[in-house]
Amino acid sequence: MEKRQWSTLAEWFDINQGDEGDLWHRTLIHPGILKVIGKVSGREILDVGCGNGSLARQLARMGNRVTGVDGSAPIIERAKARETAAPIGITYHACDAARLAIFDDNSFDLVTSCMALMDMPDAASAIKEMGRVVRPAGRCVMLFSHPCFDVPHASTWLVEHGFGVAPVTSLRLSRYREIFSAWLRWSSKDDFELLAYHRPLSWYFGAIREAGLAVTRFEEPEPTNEFLEQAPESEGVAKFPLHCVIEARPYRAIS
């Protein structure tokens, strides 16, 4: 199995995600983070780990001024190409989320990160930077793989069948308390692996606190009907959340 970096997968990722995201993003992931973001307009928004801009475009179409950043320069070029083809006012930058020096303190009303933190080697610094650039009355909203139920190479589905009863789906996991990285296959259809990082949920809460932020909301997105109808994994996802969303605000805004 070939080990790949995100910087080498720009064309594949852009084709798979398209303008609005693949099935998982469009019917499970994006609805989950947008529920917490709410109906916002007229805001300055930073999308960290924006990929090809599928979430950034939704936020811009709601009437916000959006900036997207991603550590993969080739993926940012894809996002810029989509902006050039159909301009909606999004600015994109290729930069490390752990070092957002191009932005001043207190620059954004809302900072988002969708399915990115678990792919970052220095997620703690990225969260700290998010806390630095958000305004005192602003919010940070982060969606990532649920560390309680999606542990790389250490969580498996178990479907048991019995006579006269419906199949029972359960989840087995190990290594939850450990902090480690592992190479993961993106999907059964792809022949490459990407590096992912597991940290327990308490690690994320600690990193958020160290960034000067306080958690004000926690959600575990439920699949939409479209996802349940089309995704082969829908039975398990209906029972166990594979993603979580954290909203956090600066201490001074809630003290």
Protein backbone atom coordinates (compact mmCIF):
# COMPACT_ATOMS: atom_id res chain seq x y z
CA MET A 1 0.00 0.00 0.00
CA GLU A 2 1.52 3.33 -1.08
CA LYS A 3 1.98 5.96 1.62
CA ARG A 4 1.01 9.43 0.39
CA GLN A 5 1.04 13.04 1.60
CA TRP A 6 -1.87 15.43 1.09
CA SER A 7 0.34 17.61 -1.13
CA THR A 8 0.48 14.78 -3.70
CA LEU A 9 -3.28 14.21 -3.80
CA ALA A 10 -4.64 17.57 -4.92
CA GLU A 11 -6.16 16.37 -8.20
CA TRP A 12 -7.66 13.23 -6.65
CA PHE A 13 -9.09 15.17 -3.69
CA ASP A 14 -10.57 17.94 -5.83
CA ILE A 15 -12.23 15.48 -8.19
CA ASN A 16 -13.65 13.43 -5.31
CA GLN A 17 -14.92 16.43 -3.35
CA GLY A 18 -16.21 18.50 -6.24
CA ASP A 19 -17.91 21.80 -5.46
CA GLU A 20 -19.98 20.69 -2.45
CA GLY A 21 -18.09 17.66 -1.09
CA ASP A 22 -18.44 13.90 -1.51
CA LEU A 23 -21.35 11.90 -0.07
CA TRP A 24 -19.89 11.85 3.46
CA HIS A 25 -19.14 15.58 3.50
CA ARG A 26 -22.36 16.63 1.78
CA THR A 27 -24.78 14.48 3.82
CA LEU A 28 -23.06 13.97 7.17
CA ILE A 29 -20.00 16.13 7.86
CA HIS A 30 -21.03 19.53 6.50
CA PRO A 31 -24.57 19.37 7.94
CA GLY A 32 -22.97 18.55 11.30
CA ILE A 33 -20.68 21.57 11.41
CA LEU A 34 -23.20 23.93 9.81
CA LYS A 35 -25.74 23.07 12.51
CA VAL A 36 -23.33 24.43 15.13
CA ILE A 37 -22.23 27.40 13.01
CA GLY A 38 -25.84 28.42 12.47
CA LYS A 39 -27.22 30.99 10.05
CA VAL A 40 -24.47 33.59 10.00
CA SER A 41 -23.92 36.40 7.50
CA GLY A 42 -21.77 39.49 7.24
CA ARG A 43 -18.96 37.83 9.25
CA GLU A 44 -15.23 37.55 8.72
CA ILE A 45 -14.57 33.80 8.66
CA LEU A 46 -11.33 31.80 8.53
CA ASP A 47 -11.60 28.16 7.42
CA VAL A 48 -8.53 26.23 8.62
CA GLY A 49 -7.64 23.14 6.60
CA CYS A 50 -10.05 24.23 3.89
CA GLY A 51 -9.04 21.66 1.26
CA ASN A 52 -10.53 22.58 -2.11
CA GLY A 53 -12.93 25.01 -0.44
CA SER A 54 -16.18 23.02 -0.33
CA LEU A 55 -17.14 24.32 3.13
CA ALA A 56 -15.69 27.79 2.51
CA ARG A 57 -17.94 28.18 -0.52
CA GLN A 58 -21.04 27.33 1.50
CA LEU A 59 -20.09 29.90 4.12
CA ALA A 60 -19.42 32.54 1.45
CA ARG A 61 -22.77 31.89 -0.22
CA MET A 62 -24.42 32.64 3.14
CA GLY A 63 -23.11 36.22 2.80
CA ASN A 64 -19.82 36.03 4.70
CA ARG A 65 -16.29 37.19 3.85
CA VAL A 66 -14.31 33.96 3.89
CA THR A 67 -10.60 33.20 3.92
CA GLY A 68 -9.36 29.63 3.50
CA VAL A 69 -5.98 28.21 4.50
CA ASP A 70 -4.49 24.78 3.94
CA GLY A 71 -1.03 23.31 4.37
CA SER A 72 -1.11 21.78 0.87
CA ALA A 73 -0.17 24.36 -1.76
CA PRO A 74 -1.42 22.17 -4.66
CA ILE A 75 -4.84 21.79 -3.01
CA ILE A 76 -5.01 25.56 -2.48
CA GLU A 77 -4.31 26.01 -6.18
CA ARG A 78 -7.35 23.85 -6.89
CA ALA A 79 -9.45 25.97 -4.56
CA LYS A 80 -8.21 29.14 -6.25
CA ALA A 81 -9.07 27.69 -9.66
CA ARG A 82 -12.65 27.07 -8.54
CA GLU A 83 -12.83 30.65 -7.20
CA THR A 84 -11.54 32.00 -10.53
CA ALA A 85 -14.08 29.95 -12.47
CA ALA A 86 -17.01 31.04 -10.26
CA PRO A 87 -15.98 34.04 -8.10
CA ILE A 88 -17.74 34.44 -4.74
CA GLY A 89 -15.10 36.49 -2.95
CA ILE A 90 -13.05 33.83 -1.12
CA THR A 91 -9.34 34.41 -0.47
CA TYR A 92 -7.07 31.37 -0.18
CA HIS A 93 -3.59 30.98 1.31
CA ALA A 94 -1.22 28.02 1.50
CA CYS A 95 0.18 27.98 5.03
CA ASP A 96 0.69 25.73 8.02
CA ALA A 97 -2.28 25.88 10.40
CA ALA A 98 0.16 25.76 13.32
CA ARG A 99 1.75 29.04 12.15
CA LEU A 100 -0.84 31.55 10.95
CA ALA A 101 1.57 34.50 11.11
CA ILE A 102 -0.01 36.09 8.03
CA PHE A 103 -3.01 37.03 10.20
CA ASP A 104 -3.09 39.53 13.06
CA ASP A 105 -4.57 38.78 16.46
CA ASN A 106 -8.37 39.13 16.69
CA SER A 107 -8.90 39.12 12.92
CA PHE A 108 -11.96 36.89 12.52
CA ASP A 109 -15.49 36.62 13.91
CA LEU A 110 -15.56 32.88 13.28
CA VAL A 111 -12.79 30.33 12.79
CA THR A 112 -13.76 26.90 11.45
CA SER A 113 -11.89 23.65 10.95
CA CYS A 114 -13.60 20.68 9.32
CA MET A 115 -12.02 17.21 9.20
CA ALA A 116 -8.50 18.55 9.55
CA LEU A 117 -7.24 18.49 13.15
CA MET A 118 -6.80 14.68 13.22
CA ASP A 119 -4.54 14.98 10.15
CA MET A 120 -2.26 17.63 11.69
CA PRO A 121 1.00 16.63 13.42
CA ASP A 122 0.87 19.78 15.58
CA ALA A 123 -2.84 20.17 16.23
CA ALA A 124 -2.17 21.85 19.59
CA SER A 125 -0.42 24.77 17.91
CA ALA A 126 -3.15 24.95 15.27
CA ILE A 127 -5.81 25.26 17.98
CA LYS A 128 -3.72 27.88 19.76
CA GLU A 129 -3.47 29.87 16.53
CA MET A 130 -7.21 29.61 16.03
CA GLY A 131 -7.67 31.05 19.50
CA ARG A 132 -5.24 33.86 18.72
CA VAL A 133 -6.87 35.05 15.50
CA VAL A 134 -10.49 34.85 16.66
CA ARG A 135 -12.02 38.05 18.03
CA PRO A 136 -12.95 38.39 21.72
CA ALA A 137 -16.65 37.91 21.00
CA GLY A 138 -16.04 35.33 18.28
CA ARG A 139 -16.19 31.54 18.08
CA CYS A 140 -14.08 28.62 16.93
CA VAL A 141 -16.00 25.64 15.54
CA MET A 142 -14.07 22.43 14.94
CA LEU A 143 -15.30 19.13 13.48
CA PHE A 144 -13.00 16.11 13.47
CA SER A 145 -13.06 12.31 13.69
CA HIS A 146 -14.58 11.27 17.01
CA PRO A 147 -11.66 9.93 19.06
CA CYS A 148 -13.97 7.86 21.26
CA PHE A 149 -15.30 5.77 18.38
CA ASP A 150 -12.86 6.14 15.48
CA VAL A 151 -9.40 5.00 16.64
CA PRO A 152 -6.91 4.26 13.81
CA HIS A 153 -6.40 0.49 13.46
CA ALA A 154 -7.92 0.03 16.91
CA SER A 155 -11.69 0.24 16.36
CA THR A 156 -13.77 -2.33 14.48
CA TRP A 157 -17.43 -2.94 13.74
CA LEU A 158 -19.02 -6.17 14.89
CA VAL A 159 -22.36 -7.25 13.43
CA GLU A 160 -23.95 -10.24 15.16
CA HIS A 161 -26.88 -12.19 13.75
CA GLY A 162 -29.25 -14.30 15.79
CA PHE A 163 -32.38 -16.34 15.17
CA GLY A 164 -35.56 -14.31 15.40
CA VAL A 165 -33.83 -11.05 16.30
CA ALA A 166 -32.51 -8.13 14.27
CA PRO A 167 -28.73 -7.95 13.71
CA VAL A 168 -26.89 -6.22 16.54
CA THR A 169 -24.11 -3.78 15.59
CA SER A 170 -21.47 -3.05 18.20
CA LEU A 171 -18.06 -1.42 18.27
CA ARG A 172 -14.82 -2.78 19.67
CA LEU A 173 -11.87 -0.49 20.34
CA SER A 174 -8.53 -0.33 22.05
CA ARG A 175 -5.63 2.12 22.50
CA TYR A 176 -8.10 4.94 23.28
CA ARG A 177 -5.92 6.63 25.92
CA GLU A 178 -2.80 6.55 23.76
CA ILE A 179 -1.52 9.38 21.58
CA PHE A 180 -0.16 7.93 18.36
CA SER A 181 -0.12 8.18 14.56
CA ALA A 182 -1.00 5.53 12.00
CA TRP A 183 -1.21 5.16 8.24
CA LEU A 184 -4.81 4.72 7.13
CA ARG A 185 -6.41 3.74 3.86
CA TRP A 186 -8.78 6.52 2.75
CA SER A 187 -11.38 4.04 1.48
CA SER A 188 -11.64 0.48 0.21
CA LYS A 189 -11.57 1.82 -3.36
CA ASP A 190 -8.19 3.59 -3.02
CA ASP A 191 -4.73 2.04 -3.06
CA PHE A 192 -2.91 4.53 -0.81
CA GLU A 193 -2.66 5.44 2.86
CA LEU A 194 -2.57 8.79 4.66
CA LEU A 195 -1.11 9.55 8.07
CA ALA A 196 -3.65 10.21 10.83
CA TYR A 197 -3.19 11.16 14.48
CA HIS A 198 -5.18 9.84 17.41
CA ARG A 199 -5.58 11.83 20.62
CA PRO A 200 -8.19 11.11 23.31
CA LEU A 201 -11.06 13.56 23.67
CA SER A 202 -9.61 14.96 26.88
CA TRP A 203 -6.48 15.96 24.92
CA TYR A 204 -8.59 18.18 22.66
CA PHE A 205 -10.34 19.80 25.62
CA GLY A 206 -6.94 20.47 27.20
CA ALA A 207 -5.53 21.98 24.00
CA ILE A 208 -8.59 24.21 23.70
CA ARG A 209 -8.16 25.40 27.27
CA GLU A 210 -4.43 26.09 26.69
CA ALA A 211 -5.43 28.19 23.66
CA GLY A 212 -7.44 30.53 25.91
CA LEU A 213 -10.76 29.07 24.79
CA ALA A 214 -13.63 27.47 26.67
CA VAL A 215 -15.91 24.81 25.21
CA THR A 216 -19.45 26.14 24.93
CA ARG A 217 -21.03 23.40 22.84
CA PHE A 218 -20.36 19.77 21.94
CA GLU A 219 -22.26 17.85 19.27
CA GLU A 220 -22.09 14.37 17.74
CA PRO A 221 -23.61 14.77 14.26
CA GLU A 222 -26.37 12.39 13.25
CA PRO A 223 -26.54 11.15 9.64
CA THR A 224 -29.07 12.69 7.32
CA ASN A 225 -31.68 10.57 5.54
CA GLU A 226 -29.69 10.89 2.32
CA PHE A 227 -26.62 9.44 4.02
CA LEU A 228 -28.63 6.58 5.54
CA GLU A 229 -30.08 5.74 2.13
CA GLN A 230 -26.82 5.85 0.16
CA ALA A 231 -23.82 5.05 2.38
CA PRO A 232 -22.90 1.37 2.89
CA GLU A 233 -21.66 2.26 6.39
CA SER A 234 -24.96 3.86 7.39
CA GLU A 235 -26.06 1.16 9.84
CA GLY A 236 -23.02 1.60 12.05
CA VAL A 237 -22.92 5.39 11.77
CA ALA A 238 -26.58 5.54 12.80
CA LYS A 239 -25.62 3.90 16.10
CA PHE A 240 -22.19 5.40 16.82
CA PRO A 241 -21.01 8.93 15.95
CA LEU A 242 -17.81 8.92 13.93
CA HIS A 243 -17.44 12.72 14.16
CA CYS A 244 -17.78 15.35 16.84
CA VAL A 245 -18.12 19.14 16.75
CA ILE A 246 -16.73 21.48 19.38
CA GLU A 247 -17.63 25.15 19.67
CA ALA A 248 -15.21 27.18 21.80
CA ARG A 249 -15.08 30.85 22.73
CA PRO A 250 -12.38 33.07 24.25
CA TYR A 251 -12.45 33.05 28.07
CA ARG A 252 -12.97 36.81 28.24
CA ALA A 253 -16.16 36.51 26.18
CA ILE A 254 -17.87 34.26 28.73
CA SER A 255 -16.33 35.33 32.05
